[in-house]
Amino acid sequence: MTAKIGERQALSNHLTGRWEQAGAKLADLAREFPEDRYEAAPAAGVRTFGDVLRHIAFWNQYVAQTARGRKADDTANELPQAQCATKAQVIAALTESGGAHHGQLVVYARLAGIVPPASR
């Protein structure tokens, strides 16, 4: 019994660490991306960089709330732009919640001529 508990704890620690690594990569990329490009879409019908970050922060908060047994509303799909209008507000929401859309945002960074911090 004790071995199984130890294995579960090790797996939990590993997954938590990976979640935190992904969140740190996203936050680093969000800090590097120019604020004046946060609300520019790379193509028509595609979310802006800021929209993607608000989407990530929303779902991270949703997961955290449901993991704590709280009722969470999933209808919004992203934090309102009015609530996270500036780069600093978006980064704060993101770093408080974690995140896992790094690959998608790397494309935005590359299109903006930025080498992502994790790729240097």
PDB file of N, CA and C in Angstrom:
ATOM      1  N   MET A   1       0.814  -1.191   0.000  1.00  0.00           N
ATOM      2  CA  MET A   1       0.000   0.000   0.000  1.00  0.00           C
ATOM      3  C   MET A   1       0.863   1.263   0.000  1.00  0.00           C
ATOM      4  N   THR A   2       1.881   1.289   0.842  1.00  0.00           N
ATOM      5  CA  THR A   2       2.733   2.464   0.965  1.00  0.00           C
ATOM      6  C   THR A   2       3.482   2.748  -0.330  1.00  0.00           C
ATOM      7  N   ALA A   3       3.908   1.696  -1.032  1.00  0.00           N
ATOM      8  CA  ALA A   3       4.622   1.880  -2.305  1.00  0.00           C
ATOM      9  C   ALA A   3       3.720   2.564  -3.328  1.00  0.00           C
ATOM     10  N   LYS A   4       2.453   2.173  -3.377  1.00  0.00           N
ATOM     11  CA  LYS A   4       1.516   2.789  -4.325  1.00  0.00           C
ATOM     12  C   LYS A   4       1.296   4.260  -3.992  1.00  0.00           C
ATOM     13  N   ILE A   5       1.208   4.567  -2.732  1.00  0.00           N
ATOM     14  CA  ILE A   5       1.044   5.965  -2.329  1.00  0.00           C
ATOM     15  C   ILE A   5       2.271   6.764  -2.738  1.00  0.00           C
ATOM     16  N   GLY A   6       3.438   6.200  -2.536  1.00  0.00           N
ATOM     17  CA  GLY A   6       4.681   6.863  -2.932  1.00  0.00           C
ATOM     18  C   GLY A   6       4.763   7.074  -4.434  1.00  0.00           C
ATOM     19  N   GLU A   7       4.328   6.070  -5.210  1.00  0.00           N
ATOM     20  CA  GLU A   7       4.321   6.192  -6.672  1.00  0.00           C
ATOM     21  C   GLU A   7       3.365   7.295  -7.118  1.00  0.00           C
ATOM     22  N   ARG A   8       2.193   7.331  -6.507  1.00  0.00           N
ATOM     23  CA  ARG A   8       1.214   8.372  -6.857  1.00  0.00           C
ATOM     24  C   ARG A   8       1.740   9.758  -6.516  1.00  0.00           C
ATOM     25  N   GLN A   9       2.406   9.871  -5.373  1.00  0.00           N
ATOM     26  CA  GLN A   9       2.967  11.160  -4.972  1.00  0.00           C
ATOM     27  C   GLN A   9       4.082  11.588  -5.932  1.00  0.00           C
ATOM     28  N   ALA A  10       4.914  10.632  -6.345  1.00  0.00           N
ATOM     29  CA  ALA A  10       5.989  10.937  -7.292  1.00  0.00           C
ATOM     30  C   ALA A  10       5.406  11.400  -8.631  1.00  0.00           C
ATOM     31  N   LEU A  11       4.374  10.722  -9.097  1.00  0.00           N
ATOM     32  CA  LEU A  11       3.721  11.120 -10.348  1.00  0.00           C
ATOM     33  C   LEU A  11       3.099  12.501 -10.210  1.00  0.00           C
ATOM     34  N   SER A  12       2.433  12.728  -9.100  1.00  0.00           N
ATOM     35  CA  SER A  12       1.819  14.033  -8.847  1.00  0.00           C
ATOM     36  C   SER A  12       2.870  15.136  -8.846  1.00  0.00           C
ATOM     37  N   ASN A  13       3.989  14.886  -8.185  1.00  0.00           N
ATOM     38  CA  ASN A  13       5.068  15.873  -8.147  1.00  0.00           C
ATOM     39  C   ASN A  13       5.631  16.133  -9.537  1.00  0.00           C
ATOM     40  N   HIS A  14       5.778  15.062 -10.320  1.00  0.00           N
ATOM     41  CA  HIS A  14       6.298  15.207 -11.690  1.00  0.00           C
ATOM     42  C   HIS A  14       5.348  16.051 -12.545  1.00  0.00           C
ATOM     43  N   LEU A  15       4.060  15.717 -12.491  1.00  0.00           N
ATOM     44  CA  LEU A  15       3.076  16.460 -13.287  1.00  0.00           C
ATOM     45  C   LEU A  15       2.991  17.924 -12.850  1.00  0.00           C
ATOM     46  N   THR A  16       3.029  18.161 -11.564  1.00  0.00           N
ATOM     47  CA  THR A  16       3.007  19.534 -11.061  1.00  0.00           C
ATOM     48  C   THR A  16       4.224  20.304 -11.555  1.00  0.00           C
ATOM     49  N   GLY A  17       5.376  19.658 -11.523  1.00  0.00           N
ATOM     50  CA  GLY A  17       6.598  20.303 -12.011  1.00  0.00           C
ATOM     51  C   GLY A  17       6.519  20.647 -13.486  1.00  0.00           C
ATOM     52  N   ARG A  18       5.994  19.722 -14.292  1.00  0.00           N
ATOM     53  CA  ARG A  18       5.849  19.985 -15.734  1.00  0.00           C
ATOM     54  C   ARG A  18       4.862  21.126 -15.982  1.00  0.00           C
ATOM     55  N   TRP A  19       3.767  21.152 -15.217  1.00  0.00           N
ATOM     56  CA  TRP A  19       2.771  22.223 -15.337  1.00  0.00           C
ATOM     57  C   TRP A  19       3.432  23.571 -15.039  1.00  0.00           C
ATOM     58  N   GLU A  20       4.221  23.607 -13.977  1.00  0.00           N
ATOM     59  CA  GLU A  20       4.911  24.844 -13.593  1.00  0.00           C
ATOM     60  C   GLU A  20       5.945  25.258 -14.640  1.00  0.00           C
ATOM     61  N   GLN A  21       6.646  24.298 -15.232  1.00  0.00           N
ATOM     62  CA  GLN A  21       7.609  24.615 -16.297  1.00  0.00           C
ATOM     63  C   GLN A  21       6.907  25.225 -17.497  1.00  0.00           C
ATOM     64  N   ALA A  22       5.784  24.635 -17.892  1.00  0.00           N
ATOM     65  CA  ALA A  22       5.028  25.175 -19.032  1.00  0.00           C
ATOM     66  C   ALA A  22       4.547  26.585 -18.732  1.00  0.00           C
ATOM     67  N   GLY A  23       4.061  26.798 -17.522  1.00  0.00           N
ATOM     68  CA  GLY A  23       3.607  28.135 -17.133  1.00  0.00           C
ATOM     69  C   GLY A  23       4.735  29.148 -17.144  1.00  0.00           C
ATOM     70  N   ALA A  24       5.915  28.738 -16.691  1.00  0.00           N
ATOM     71  CA  ALA A  24       7.066  29.653 -16.683  1.00  0.00           C
ATOM     72  C   ALA A  24       7.484  30.006 -18.104  1.00  0.00           C
ATOM     73  N   LYS A  25       7.464  29.042 -19.008  1.00  0.00           N
ATOM     74  CA  LYS A  25       7.812  29.314 -20.412  1.00  0.00           C
ATOM     75  C   LYS A  25       6.830  30.307 -21.024  1.00  0.00           C
ATOM     76  N   LEU A  26       5.547  30.101 -20.749  1.00  0.00           N
ATOM     77  CA  LEU A  26       4.533  31.026 -21.271  1.00  0.00           C
ATOM     78  C   LEU A  26       4.724  32.431 -20.720  1.00  0.00           C
ATOM     79  N   ALA A  27       4.980  32.528 -19.425  1.00  0.00           N
ATOM     80  CA  ALA A  27       5.164  33.843 -18.808  1.00  0.00           C
ATOM     81  C   ALA A  27       6.392  34.543 -19.384  1.00  0.00           C
ATOM     82  N   ASP A  28       7.480  33.802 -19.590  1.00  0.00           N
ATOM     83  CA  ASP A  28       8.681  34.393 -20.195  1.00  0.00           C
ATOM     84  C   ASP A  28       8.378  34.917 -21.595  1.00  0.00           C
ATOM     85  N   LEU A  29       7.669  34.117 -22.385  1.00  0.00           N
ATOM     86  CA  LEU A  29       7.315  34.537 -23.740  1.00  0.00           C
ATOM     87  C   LEU A  29       6.383  35.749 -23.705  1.00  0.00           C
ATOM     88  N   ALA A  30       5.426  35.745 -22.797  1.00  0.00           N
ATOM     89  CA  ALA A  30       4.492  36.875 -22.670  1.00  0.00           C
ATOM     90  C   ALA A  30       5.230  38.160 -22.310  1.00  0.00           C
ATOM     91  N   ARG A  31       6.257  38.059 -21.476  1.00  0.00           N
ATOM     92  CA  ARG A  31       7.041  39.245 -21.109  1.00  0.00           C
ATOM     93  C   ARG A  31       7.838  39.779 -22.295  1.00  0.00           C
ATOM     94  N   GLU A  32       8.332  38.887 -23.140  1.00  0.00           N
ATOM     95  CA  GLU A  32       9.148  39.287 -24.292  1.00  0.00           C
ATOM     96  C   GLU A  32       8.326  39.903 -25.424  1.00  0.00           C
ATOM     97  N   PHE A  33       7.091  39.461 -25.561  1.00  0.00           N
ATOM     98  CA  PHE A  33       6.266  39.908 -26.684  1.00  0.00           C
ATOM     99  C   PHE A  33       5.928  41.384 -26.511  1.00  0.00           C
ATOM    100  N   PRO A  34       6.067  42.189 -27.558  1.00  0.00           N
ATOM    101  CA  PRO A  34       5.806  43.628 -27.444  1.00  0.00           C
ATOM    102  C   PRO A  34       4.339  43.933 -27.117  1.00  0.00           C
ATOM    103  N   GLU A  35       4.150  44.822 -26.162  1.00  0.00           N
ATOM    104  CA  GLU A  35       2.785  45.153 -25.743  1.00  0.00           C
ATOM    105  C   GLU A  35       1.944  45.705 -26.890  1.00  0.00           C
ATOM    106  N   ASP A  36       2.552  46.450 -27.795  1.00  0.00           N
ATOM    107  CA  ASP A  36       1.783  47.029 -28.900  1.00  0.00           C
ATOM    108  C   ASP A  36       1.323  45.979 -29.916  1.00  0.00           C
ATOM    109  N   ARG A  37       1.789  44.732 -29.770  1.00  0.00           N
ATOM    110  CA  ARG A  37       1.362  43.653 -30.668  1.00  0.00           C
ATOM    111  C   ARG A  37       0.420  42.670 -29.964  1.00  0.00           C
ATOM    112  N   TYR A  38       0.133  42.884 -28.686  1.00  0.00           N
ATOM    113  CA  TYR A  38      -0.709  41.959 -27.922  1.00  0.00           C
ATOM    114  C   TYR A  38      -2.091  41.774 -28.546  1.00  0.00           C
ATOM    115  N   GLU A  39      -2.653  42.822 -29.082  1.00  0.00           N
ATOM    116  CA  GLU A  39      -4.023  42.752 -29.603  1.00  0.00           C
ATOM    117  C   GLU A  39      -4.076  42.725 -31.124  1.00  0.00           C
ATOM    118  N   ALA A  40      -2.945  42.451 -31.770  1.00  0.00           N
ATOM    119  CA  ALA A  40      -2.908  42.320 -33.226  1.00  0.00           C
ATOM    120  C   ALA A  40      -3.033  40.838 -33.586  1.00  0.00           C
ATOM    121  N   ALA A  41      -3.983  40.515 -34.445  1.00  0.00           N
ATOM    122  CA  ALA A  41      -4.160  39.130 -34.881  1.00  0.00           C
ATOM    123  C   ALA A  41      -3.193  38.849 -36.032  1.00  0.00           C
ATOM    124  N   PRO A  42      -2.559  37.680 -36.040  1.00  0.00           N
ATOM    125  CA  PRO A  42      -1.634  37.358 -37.128  1.00  0.00           C
ATOM    126  C   PRO A  42      -2.347  37.141 -38.458  1.00  0.00           C
ATOM    127  N   ALA A  43      -3.645  36.852 -38.415  1.00  0.00           N
ATOM    128  CA  ALA A  43      -4.458  36.684 -39.623  1.00  0.00           C
ATOM    129  C   ALA A  43      -5.919  36.883 -39.227  1.00  0.00           C
ATOM    130  N   ALA A  44      -6.723  37.211 -40.209  1.00  0.00           N
ATOM    131  CA  ALA A  44      -8.150  37.407 -39.940  1.00  0.00           C
ATOM    132  C   ALA A  44      -8.766  36.135 -39.362  1.00  0.00           C
ATOM    133  N   GLY A  45      -9.600  36.304 -38.343  1.00  0.00           N
ATOM    134  CA  GLY A  45     -10.287  35.173 -37.745  1.00  0.00           C
ATOM    135  C   GLY A  45      -9.459  34.383 -36.744  1.00  0.00           C
ATOM    136  N   VAL A  46      -8.254  34.867 -36.428  1.00  0.00           N
ATOM    137  CA  VAL A  46      -7.367  34.184 -35.488  1.00  0.00           C
ATOM    138  C   VAL A  46      -7.266  35.035 -34.229  1.00  0.00           C
ATOM    139  N   ARG A  47      -7.236  34.384 -33.085  1.00  0.00           N
ATOM    140  CA  ARG A  47      -7.099  35.122 -31.826  1.00  0.00           C
ATOM    141  C   ARG A  47      -5.806  35.925 -31.815  1.00  0.00           C
ATOM    142  N   THR A  48      -5.862  37.025 -31.089  1.00  0.00           N
ATOM    143  CA  THR A  48      -4.641  37.802 -30.868  1.00  0.00           C
ATOM    144  C   THR A  48      -3.784  37.091 -29.827  1.00  0.00           C
ATOM    145  N   PHE A  49      -2.547  37.513 -29.715  1.00  0.00           N
ATOM    146  CA  PHE A  49      -1.641  36.976 -28.696  1.00  0.00           C
ATOM    147  C   PHE A  49      -2.267  37.157 -27.313  1.00  0.00           C
ATOM    148  N   GLY A  50      -2.782  38.352 -27.044  1.00  0.00           N
ATOM    149  CA  GLY A  50      -3.434  38.630 -25.763  1.00  0.00           C
ATOM    150  C   GLY A  50      -4.661  37.762 -25.537  1.00  0.00           C
ATOM    151  N   ASP A  51      -5.449  37.530 -26.596  1.00  0.00           N
ATOM    152  CA  ASP A  51      -6.624  36.659 -26.479  1.00  0.00           C
ATOM    153  C   ASP A  51      -6.226  35.248 -26.067  1.00  0.00           C
ATOM    154  N   VAL A  52      -5.151  34.731 -26.665  1.00  0.00           N
ATOM    155  CA  VAL A  52      -4.698  33.380 -26.321  1.00  0.00           C
ATOM    156  C   VAL A  52      -4.279  33.326 -24.854  1.00  0.00           C
ATOM    157  N   LEU A  53      -3.554  34.334 -24.397  1.00  0.00           N
ATOM    158  CA  LEU A  53      -3.124  34.356 -23.002  1.00  0.00           C
ATOM    159  C   LEU A  53      -4.310  34.461 -22.049  1.00  0.00           C
ATOM    160  N   ARG A  54      -5.294  35.279 -22.390  1.00  0.00           N
ATOM    161  CA  ARG A  54      -6.489  35.391 -21.550  1.00  0.00           C
ATOM    162  C   ARG A  54      -7.266  34.074 -21.540  1.00  0.00           C
ATOM    163  N   HIS A  55      -7.280  33.383 -22.677  1.00  0.00           N
ATOM    164  CA  HIS A  55      -7.916  32.065 -22.772  1.00  0.00           C
ATOM    165  C   HIS A  55      -7.206  31.063 -21.854  1.00  0.00           C
ATOM    166  N   ILE A  56      -5.894  31.041 -21.897  1.00  0.00           N
ATOM    167  CA  ILE A  56      -5.114  30.133 -21.053  1.00  0.00           C
ATOM    168  C   ILE A  56      -5.363  30.432 -19.580  1.00  0.00           C
ATOM    169  N   ALA A  57      -5.283  31.695 -19.211  1.00  0.00           N
ATOM    170  CA  ALA A  57      -5.477  32.078 -17.811  1.00  0.00           C
ATOM    171  C   ALA A  57      -6.875  31.693 -17.330  1.00  0.00           C
ATOM    172  N   PHE A  58      -7.880  31.900 -18.174  1.00  0.00           N
ATOM    173  CA  PHE A  58      -9.250  31.528 -17.804  1.00  0.00           C
ATOM    174  C   PHE A  58      -9.341  30.043 -17.495  1.00  0.00           C
ATOM    175  N   TRP A  59      -8.843  29.190 -18.388  1.00  0.00           N
ATOM    176  CA  TRP A  59      -8.964  27.747 -18.198  1.00  0.00           C
ATOM    177  C   TRP A  59      -8.088  27.252 -17.057  1.00  0.00           C
ATOM    178  N   ASN A  60      -6.950  27.871 -16.845  1.00  0.00           N
ATOM    179  CA  ASN A  60      -6.141  27.493 -15.685  1.00  0.00           C
ATOM    180  C   ASN A  60      -6.887  27.802 -14.389  1.00  0.00           C
ATOM    181  N   GLN A  61      -7.545  28.957 -14.349  1.00  0.00           N
ATOM    182  CA  GLN A  61      -8.332  29.296 -13.168  1.00  0.00           C
ATOM    183  C   GLN A  61      -9.499  28.319 -13.009  1.00  0.00           C
ATOM    184  N   TYR A  62     -10.121  27.955 -14.109  1.00  0.00           N
ATOM    185  CA  TYR A  62     -11.231  27.001 -14.082  1.00  0.00           C
ATOM    186  C   TYR A  62     -10.769  25.659 -13.506  1.00  0.00           C
ATOM    187  N   VAL A  63      -9.636  25.154 -14.001  1.00  0.00           N
ATOM    188  CA  VAL A  63      -9.109  23.878 -13.512  1.00  0.00           C
ATOM    189  C   VAL A  63      -8.804  23.965 -12.018  1.00  0.00           C
ATOM    190  N   ALA A  64      -8.189  25.053 -11.596  1.00  0.00           N
ATOM    191  CA  ALA A  64      -7.857  25.213 -10.183  1.00  0.00           C
ATOM    192  C   ALA A  64      -9.120  25.239  -9.319  1.00  0.00           C
ATOM    193  N   GLN A  65     -10.144  25.931  -9.784  1.00  0.00           N
ATOM    194  CA  GLN A  65     -11.392  26.001  -9.013  1.00  0.00           C
ATOM    195  C   GLN A  65     -12.062  24.633  -8.914  1.00  0.00           C
ATOM    196  N   THR A  66     -12.150  23.926 -10.023  1.00  0.00           N
ATOM    197  CA  THR A  66     -12.808  22.622  -9.991  1.00  0.00           C
ATOM    198  C   THR A  66     -11.986  21.613  -9.200  1.00  0.00           C
ATOM    199  N   ALA A  67     -10.658  21.701  -9.258  1.00  0.00           N
ATOM    200  CA  ALA A  67      -9.808  20.798  -8.472  1.00  0.00           C
ATOM    201  C   ALA A  67     -10.015  21.016  -6.975  1.00  0.00           C
ATOM    202  N   ARG A  68     -10.380  22.229  -6.602  1.00  0.00           N
ATOM    203  CA  ARG A  68     -10.652  22.542  -5.199  1.00  0.00           C
ATOM    204  C   ARG A  68     -12.103  22.237  -4.809  1.00  0.00           C
ATOM    205  N   GLY A  69     -12.863  21.686  -5.758  1.00  0.00           N
ATOM    206  CA  GLY A  69     -14.246  21.327  -5.472  1.00  0.00           C
ATOM    207  C   GLY A  69     -15.215  22.480  -5.586  1.00  0.00           C
ATOM    208  N   ARG A  70     -14.776  23.584  -6.147  1.00  0.00           N
ATOM    209  CA  ARG A  70     -15.660  24.744  -6.311  1.00  0.00           C
ATOM    210  C   ARG A  70     -16.394  24.665  -7.642  1.00  0.00           C
ATOM    211  N   LYS A  71     -17.557  25.240  -7.680  1.00  0.00           N
ATOM    212  CA  LYS A  71     -18.302  25.338  -8.934  1.00  0.00           C
ATOM    213  C   LYS A  71     -17.669  26.438  -9.772  1.00  0.00           C
ATOM    214  N   ALA A  72     -17.415  26.141 -11.022  1.00  0.00           N
ATOM    215  CA  ALA A  72     -16.783  27.110 -11.918  1.00  0.00           C
ATOM    216  C   ALA A  72     -17.609  27.222 -13.201  1.00  0.00           C
ATOM    217  N   ASP A  73     -17.729  28.428 -13.712  1.00  0.00           N
ATOM    218  CA  ASP A  73     -18.480  28.692 -14.939  1.00  0.00           C
ATOM    219  C   ASP A  73     -17.522  28.601 -16.122  1.00  0.00           C
ATOM    220  N   ASP A  74     -17.833  27.742 -17.071  1.00  0.00           N
ATOM    221  CA  ASP A  74     -16.943  27.563 -18.220  1.00  0.00           C
ATOM    222  C   ASP A  74     -17.454  28.231 -19.497  1.00  0.00           C
ATOM    223  N   THR A  75     -18.461  29.073 -19.391  1.00  0.00           N
ATOM    224  CA  THR A  75     -19.071  29.640 -20.598  1.00  0.00           C
ATOM    225  C   THR A  75     -18.256  30.757 -21.242  1.00  0.00           C
ATOM    226  N   ALA A  76     -17.443  31.460 -20.485  1.00  0.00           N
ATOM    227  CA  ALA A  76     -16.728  32.607 -21.051  1.00  0.00           C
ATOM    228  C   ALA A  76     -15.593  32.197 -21.986  1.00  0.00           C
ATOM    229  N   ASN A  77     -14.876  31.131 -21.680  1.00  0.00           N
ATOM    230  CA  ASN A  77     -13.776  30.599 -22.471  1.00  0.00           C
ATOM    231  C   ASN A  77     -12.498  31.432 -22.432  1.00  0.00           C
ATOM    232  N   GLU A  78     -12.571  32.640 -21.938  1.00  0.00           N
ATOM    233  CA  GLU A  78     -11.365  33.452 -21.730  1.00  0.00           C
ATOM    234  C   GLU A  78     -11.709  34.594 -20.777  1.00  0.00           C
ATOM    235  N   LEU A  79     -10.674  35.145 -20.154  1.00  0.00           N
ATOM    236  CA  LEU A  79     -10.897  36.301 -19.279  1.00  0.00           C
ATOM    237  C   LEU A  79     -11.299  37.493 -20.134  1.00  0.00           C
ATOM    238  N   PRO A  80     -12.182  38.345 -19.646  1.00  0.00           N
ATOM    239  CA  PRO A  80     -12.595  39.514 -20.428  1.00  0.00           C
ATOM    240  C   PRO A  80     -11.417  40.462 -20.668  1.00  0.00           C
ATOM    241  N   GLN A  81     -11.346  40.995 -21.871  1.00  0.00           N
ATOM    242  CA  GLN A  81     -10.271  41.926 -22.197  1.00  0.00           C
ATOM    243  C   GLN A  81     -10.315  43.134 -21.271  1.00  0.00           C
ATOM    244  N   ALA A  82     -11.497  43.566 -20.866  1.00  0.00           N
ATOM    245  CA  ALA A  82     -11.600  44.712 -19.960  1.00  0.00           C
ATOM    246  C   ALA A  82     -10.941  44.423 -18.617  1.00  0.00           C
ATOM    247  N   GLN A  83     -10.963  43.170 -18.189  1.00  0.00           N
ATOM    248  CA  GLN A  83     -10.348  42.766 -16.921  1.00  0.00           C
ATOM    249  C   GLN A  83      -8.827  42.639 -17.048  1.00  0.00           C
ATOM    250  N   CYS A  84      -8.371  42.291 -18.228  1.00  0.00           N
ATOM    251  CA  CYS A  84      -6.932  42.097 -18.497  1.00  0.00           C
ATOM    252  C   CYS A  84      -6.580  42.854 -19.770  1.00  0.00           C
ATOM    253  N   ALA A  85      -6.606  44.164 -19.689  1.00  0.00           N
ATOM    254  CA  ALA A  85      -6.417  44.991 -20.874  1.00  0.00           C
ATOM    255  C   ALA A  85      -4.953  45.295 -21.186  1.00  0.00           C
ATOM    256  N   THR A  86      -4.107  45.296 -20.171  1.00  0.00           N
ATOM    257  CA  THR A  86      -2.701  45.653 -20.395  1.00  0.00           C
ATOM    258  C   THR A  86      -1.826  44.411 -20.351  1.00  0.00           C
ATOM    259  N   LYS A  87      -0.644  44.541 -20.894  1.00  0.00           N
ATOM    260  CA  LYS A  87       0.328  43.449 -20.867  1.00  0.00           C
ATOM    261  C   LYS A  87       0.582  43.009 -19.428  1.00  0.00           C
ATOM    262  N   ALA A  88       0.759  43.943 -18.516  1.00  0.00           N
ATOM    263  CA  ALA A  88       1.026  43.608 -17.111  1.00  0.00           C
ATOM    264  C   ALA A  88      -0.134  42.826 -16.496  1.00  0.00           C
ATOM    265  N   GLN A  89      -1.368  43.208 -16.801  1.00  0.00           N
ATOM    266  CA  GLN A  89      -2.528  42.503 -16.257  1.00  0.00           C
ATOM    267  C   GLN A  89      -2.637  41.088 -16.824  1.00  0.00           C
ATOM    268  N   VAL A  90      -2.353  40.950 -18.105  1.00  0.00           N
ATOM    269  CA  VAL A  90      -2.407  39.628 -18.738  1.00  0.00           C
ATOM    270  C   VAL A  90      -1.339  38.719 -18.132  1.00  0.00           C
ATOM    271  N   ILE A  91      -0.124  39.243 -17.999  1.00  0.00           N
ATOM    272  CA  ILE A  91       0.965  38.443 -17.429  1.00  0.00           C
ATOM    273  C   ILE A  91       0.647  38.059 -15.985  1.00  0.00           C
ATOM    274  N   ALA A  92       0.089  38.976 -15.219  1.00  0.00           N
ATOM    275  CA  ALA A  92      -0.276  38.673 -13.832  1.00  0.00           C
ATOM    276  C   ALA A  92      -1.306  37.537 -13.784  1.00  0.00           C
ATOM    277  N   ALA A  93      -2.325  37.605 -14.622  1.00  0.00           N
ATOM    278  CA  ALA A  93      -3.347  36.553 -14.650  1.00  0.00           C
ATOM    279  C   ALA A  93      -2.739  35.225 -15.075  1.00  0.00           C
ATOM    280  N   LEU A  94      -1.834  35.285 -16.020  1.00  0.00           N
ATOM    281  CA  LEU A  94      -1.196  34.068 -16.515  1.00  0.00           C
ATOM    282  C   LEU A  94      -0.291  33.436 -15.467  1.00  0.00           C
ATOM    283  N   THR A  95       0.549  34.237 -14.838  1.00  0.00           N
ATOM    284  CA  THR A  95       1.490  33.679 -13.863  1.00  0.00           C
ATOM    285  C   THR A  95       0.791  33.189 -12.608  1.00  0.00           C
ATOM    286  N   GLU A  96      -0.357  33.748 -12.306  1.00  0.00           N
ATOM    287  CA  GLU A  96      -1.123  33.273 -11.149  1.00  0.00           C
ATOM    288  C   GLU A  96      -1.827  31.959 -11.435  1.00  0.00           C
ATOM    289  N   SER A  97      -1.931  31.589 -12.719  1.00  0.00           N
ATOM    290  CA  SER A  97      -2.727  30.412 -13.062  1.00  0.00           C
ATOM    291  C   SER A  97      -1.939  29.287 -13.729  1.00  0.00           C
ATOM    292  N   GLY A  98      -0.754  29.509 -14.232  1.00  0.00           N
ATOM    293  CA  GLY A  98      -0.016  28.485 -14.976  1.00  0.00           C
ATOM    294  C   GLY A  98      -0.380  28.566 -16.449  1.00  0.00           C
ATOM    295  N   GLY A  99      -0.074  27.534 -17.265  1.00  0.00           N
ATOM    296  CA  GLY A  99      -0.484  27.560 -18.672  1.00  0.00           C
ATOM    297  C   GLY A  99       0.210  26.541 -19.535  1.00  0.00           C
ATOM    298  N   ALA A 100      -0.413  26.149 -20.678  1.00  0.00           N
ATOM    299  CA  ALA A 100       0.150  25.101 -21.524  1.00  0.00           C
ATOM    300  C   ALA A 100      -0.067  25.313 -23.018  1.00  0.00           C
ATOM    301  N   HIS A 101      -0.060  26.525 -23.526  1.00  0.00           N
ATOM    302  CA  HIS A 101      -0.211  26.797 -24.956  1.00  0.00           C
ATOM    303  C   HIS A 101       1.079  27.356 -25.549  1.00  0.00           C
ATOM    304  N   HIS A 102       2.186  26.980 -24.992  1.00  0.00           N
ATOM    305  CA  HIS A 102       3.468  27.552 -25.384  1.00  0.00           C
ATOM    306  C   HIS A 102       3.728  27.420 -26.889  1.00  0.00           C
ATOM    307  N   GLY A 103       3.506  26.247 -27.442  1.00  0.00           N
ATOM    308  CA  GLY A 103       3.790  26.017 -28.862  1.00  0.00           C
ATOM    309  C   GLY A 103       3.037  26.965 -29.778  1.00  0.00           C
ATOM    310  N   GLN A 104       1.771  27.210 -29.479  1.00  0.00           N
ATOM    311  CA  GLN A 104       0.982  28.119 -30.306  1.00  0.00           C
ATOM    312  C   GLN A 104       1.546  29.532 -30.242  1.00  0.00           C
ATOM    313  N   LEU A 105       1.918  29.978 -29.044  1.00  0.00           N
ATOM    314  CA  LEU A 105       2.407  31.343 -28.894  1.00  0.00           C
ATOM    315  C   LEU A 105       3.814  31.519 -29.454  1.00  0.00           C
ATOM    316  N   VAL A 106       4.557  30.434 -29.562  1.00  0.00           N
ATOM    317  CA  VAL A 106       5.880  30.514 -30.195  1.00  0.00           C
ATOM    318  C   VAL A 106       5.727  30.946 -31.649  1.00  0.00           C
ATOM    319  N   VAL A 107       4.688  30.458 -32.311  1.00  0.00           N
ATOM    320  CA  VAL A 107       4.435  30.860 -33.702  1.00  0.00           C
ATOM    321  C   VAL A 107       4.197  32.364 -33.776  1.00  0.00           C
ATOM    322  N   TYR A 108       3.389  32.897 -32.865  1.00  0.00           N
ATOM    323  CA  TYR A 108       3.138  34.341 -32.830  1.00  0.00           C
ATOM    324  C   TYR A 108       4.459  35.094 -32.636  1.00  0.00           C
ATOM    325  N   ALA A 109       5.277  34.615 -31.714  1.00  0.00           N
ATOM    326  CA  ALA A 109       6.560  35.273 -31.452  1.00  0.00           C
ATOM    327  C   ALA A 109       7.435  35.248 -32.688  1.00  0.00           C
ATOM    328  N   ARG A 110       7.537  34.108 -33.318  1.00  0.00           N
ATOM    329  CA  ARG A 110       8.372  33.992 -34.531  1.00  0.00           C
ATOM    330  C   ARG A 110       7.860  34.926 -35.638  1.00  0.00           C
ATOM    331  N   LEU A 111       6.541  35.031 -35.771  1.00  0.00           N
ATOM    332  CA  LEU A 111       5.980  35.951 -36.771  1.00  0.00           C
ATOM    333  C   LEU A 111       6.310  37.413 -36.438  1.00  0.00           C
ATOM    334  N   ALA A 112       6.496  37.689 -35.162  1.00  0.00           N
ATOM    335  CA  ALA A 112       6.854  39.045 -34.735  1.00  0.00           C
ATOM    336  C   ALA A 112       8.363  39.250 -34.715  1.00  0.00           C
ATOM    337  N   GLY A 113       9.135  38.244 -35.169  1.00  0.00           N
ATOM    338  CA  GLY A 113      10.589  38.372 -35.224  1.00  0.00           C
ATOM    339  C   GLY A 113      11.274  38.124 -33.886  1.00  0.00           C
ATOM    340  N   ILE A 114      10.597  37.462 -32.948  1.00  0.00           N
ATOM    341  CA  ILE A 114      11.156  37.219 -31.628  1.00  0.00           C
ATOM    342  C   ILE A 114      11.550  35.752 -31.513  1.00  0.00           C
ATOM    343  N   VAL A 115      12.790  35.514 -31.068  1.00  0.00           N
ATOM    344  CA  VAL A 115      13.207  34.160 -30.752  1.00  0.00           C
ATOM    345  C   VAL A 115      12.734  33.880 -29.335  1.00  0.00           C
ATOM    346  N   PRO A 116      11.869  32.899 -29.141  1.00  0.00           N
ATOM    347  CA  PRO A 116      11.341  32.622 -27.812  1.00  0.00           C
ATOM    348  C   PRO A 116      12.458  32.340 -26.798  1.00  0.00           C
ATOM    349  N   PRO A 117      12.301  32.796 -25.566  1.00  0.00           N
ATOM    350  CA  PRO A 117      13.329  32.584 -24.548  1.00  0.00           C
ATOM    351  C   PRO A 117      13.735  31.115 -24.399  1.00  0.00           C
ATOM    352  N   ALA A 118      12.787  30.194 -24.496  1.00  0.00           N
ATOM    353  CA  ALA A 118      13.101  28.772 -24.333  1.00  0.00           C
ATOM    354  C   ALA A 118      13.914  28.219 -25.502  1.00  0.00           C
ATOM    355  N   SER A 119      13.970  28.946 -26.624  1.00  0.00           N
ATOM    356  CA  SER A 119      14.713  28.483 -27.799  1.00  0.00           C
ATOM    357  C   SER A 119      16.121  29.065 -27.892  1.00  0.00           C
ATOM    358  N   ARG A 120      16.466  29.935 -26.983  1.00  0.00           N
ATOM    359  CA  ARG A 120      17.791  30.559 -27.054  1.00  0.00           C
ATOM    360  C   ARG A 120      18.869  29.724 -26.445  1.00  0.00           C
TER     361      ARG A 120
END
